[in-house]
């Protein structure tokens, strides 16, 4: 199995509070750096969006 991964470099500009929270999430998950946290959050969000797109739309309630 090849050790090469299909990766890209990305620069992210975030607030100090967001950086602190990303670092906390990386520590809690045991990741070595925040890139894996960003990747996981993005993957989870895209899965949630695709699940929502597959669900049948609920009819809108009429408010009077």
C-alpha atoms as a PDB file:
ATOM      1  CA  UNK A   1       0.000   0.000   0.000  1.00  0.00           C
ATOM      2  CA  UNK A   2       1.308   3.435  -0.916  1.00  0.00           C
ATOM      3  CA  UNK A   3       2.132   5.883   1.861  1.00  0.00           C
ATOM      4  CA  UNK A   4       1.339   8.848  -0.364  1.00  0.00           C
ATOM      5  CA  UNK A   5      -1.874  10.664   0.458  1.00  0.00           C
ATOM      6  CA  UNK A   6      -3.950  12.929  -1.746  1.00  0.00           C
ATOM      7  CA  UNK A   7      -3.390  16.104   0.298  1.00  0.00           C
ATOM      8  CA  UNK A   8      -3.371  19.836  -0.445  1.00  0.00           C
ATOM      9  CA  UNK A   9      -1.960  22.747   1.532  1.00  0.00           C
ATOM     10  CA  UNK A  10      -4.439  25.342   2.762  1.00  0.00           C
ATOM     11  CA  UNK A  11      -3.913  28.561   4.703  1.00  0.00           C
ATOM     12  CA  UNK A  12      -6.723  29.521   7.048  1.00  0.00           C
ATOM     13  CA  UNK A  13      -7.261  32.900   8.675  1.00  0.00           C
ATOM     14  CA  UNK A  14      -9.183  32.537  11.955  1.00  0.00           C
ATOM     15  CA  UNK A  15      -9.763  34.539  15.117  1.00  0.00           C
ATOM     16  CA  UNK A  16      -7.692  33.751  18.211  1.00  0.00           C
ATOM     17  CA  UNK A  17     -10.757  32.195  19.860  1.00  0.00           C
ATOM     18  CA  UNK A  18     -11.324  29.869  16.884  1.00  0.00           C
ATOM     19  CA  UNK A  19      -7.658  28.858  16.899  1.00  0.00           C
ATOM     20  CA  UNK A  20      -7.875  28.102  20.617  1.00  0.00           C
ATOM     21  CA  UNK A  21     -10.973  25.961  20.062  1.00  0.00           C
ATOM     22  CA  UNK A  22      -9.429  24.119  17.102  1.00  0.00           C
ATOM     23  CA  UNK A  23      -6.360  23.348  19.212  1.00  0.00           C
ATOM     24  CA  UNK A  24      -8.588  22.108  22.060  1.00  0.00           C
ATOM     25  CA  UNK A  25     -10.496  19.852  19.663  1.00  0.00           C
ATOM     26  CA  UNK A  26      -7.215  18.499  18.269  1.00  0.00           C
ATOM     27  CA  UNK A  27      -5.991  17.723  21.788  1.00  0.00           C
ATOM     28  CA  UNK A  28      -9.281  16.051  22.784  1.00  0.00           C
ATOM     29  CA  UNK A  29      -9.324  13.905  19.636  1.00  0.00           C
ATOM     30  CA  UNK A  30      -5.630  13.047  19.877  1.00  0.00           C
ATOM     31  CA  UNK A  31      -4.782  14.624  16.522  1.00  0.00           C
ATOM     32  CA  UNK A  32      -1.323  16.023  15.975  1.00  0.00           C
ATOM     33  CA  UNK A  33      -2.495  19.258  14.388  1.00  0.00           C
ATOM     34  CA  UNK A  34      -5.588  21.297  13.601  1.00  0.00           C
ATOM     35  CA  UNK A  35      -5.650  20.303   9.919  1.00  0.00           C
ATOM     36  CA  UNK A  36      -7.205  16.971  10.835  1.00  0.00           C
ATOM     37  CA  UNK A  37      -9.839  18.776  12.919  1.00  0.00           C
ATOM     38  CA  UNK A  38     -10.752  21.009   9.985  1.00  0.00           C
ATOM     39  CA  UNK A  39     -10.907  17.949   7.717  1.00  0.00           C
ATOM     40  CA  UNK A  40     -13.164  16.054  10.153  1.00  0.00           C
ATOM     41  CA  UNK A  41     -15.495  19.021  10.705  1.00  0.00           C
ATOM     42  CA  UNK A  42     -15.798  19.553   6.956  1.00  0.00           C
ATOM     43  CA  UNK A  43     -16.453  15.867   6.289  1.00  0.00           C
ATOM     44  CA  UNK A  44     -19.105  15.678   9.040  1.00  0.00           C
ATOM     45  CA  UNK A  45     -20.821  18.820   7.769  1.00  0.00           C
ATOM     46  CA  UNK A  46     -20.907  17.582   4.165  1.00  0.00           C
ATOM     47  CA  UNK A  47     -22.368  14.233   5.294  1.00  0.00           C
ATOM     48  CA  UNK A  48     -25.085  16.042   7.235  1.00  0.00           C
ATOM     49  CA  UNK A  49     -25.906  18.182   4.202  1.00  0.00           C
ATOM     50  CA  UNK A  50     -26.111  15.178   1.883  1.00  0.00           C
ATOM     51  CA  UNK A  51     -28.392  13.334   4.335  1.00  0.00           C
ATOM     52  CA  UNK A  52     -30.654  16.384   4.579  1.00  0.00           C
ATOM     53  CA  UNK A  53     -30.842  16.617   0.785  1.00  0.00           C
ATOM     54  CA  UNK A  54     -31.984  12.988   0.537  1.00  0.00           C
ATOM     55  CA  UNK A  55     -34.801  13.345   3.068  1.00  0.00           C
ATOM     56  CA  UNK A  56     -38.222  14.151   1.658  1.00  0.00           C
ATOM     57  CA  UNK A  57     -39.256  17.747   2.224  1.00  0.00           C
ATOM     58  CA  UNK A  58     -41.846  18.286   4.921  1.00  0.00           C
ATOM     59  CA  UNK A  59     -44.906  20.260   3.858  1.00  0.00           C
ATOM     60  CA  UNK A  60     -44.917  23.768   5.315  1.00  0.00           C
ATOM     61  CA  UNK A  61     -47.446  24.438   8.024  1.00  0.00           C
ATOM     62  CA  UNK A  62     -49.885  27.227   7.291  1.00  0.00           C
ATOM     63  CA  UNK A  63     -50.041  29.726  10.125  1.00  0.00           C
ATOM     64  CA  UNK A  64     -53.121  31.829  10.523  1.00  0.00           C
END
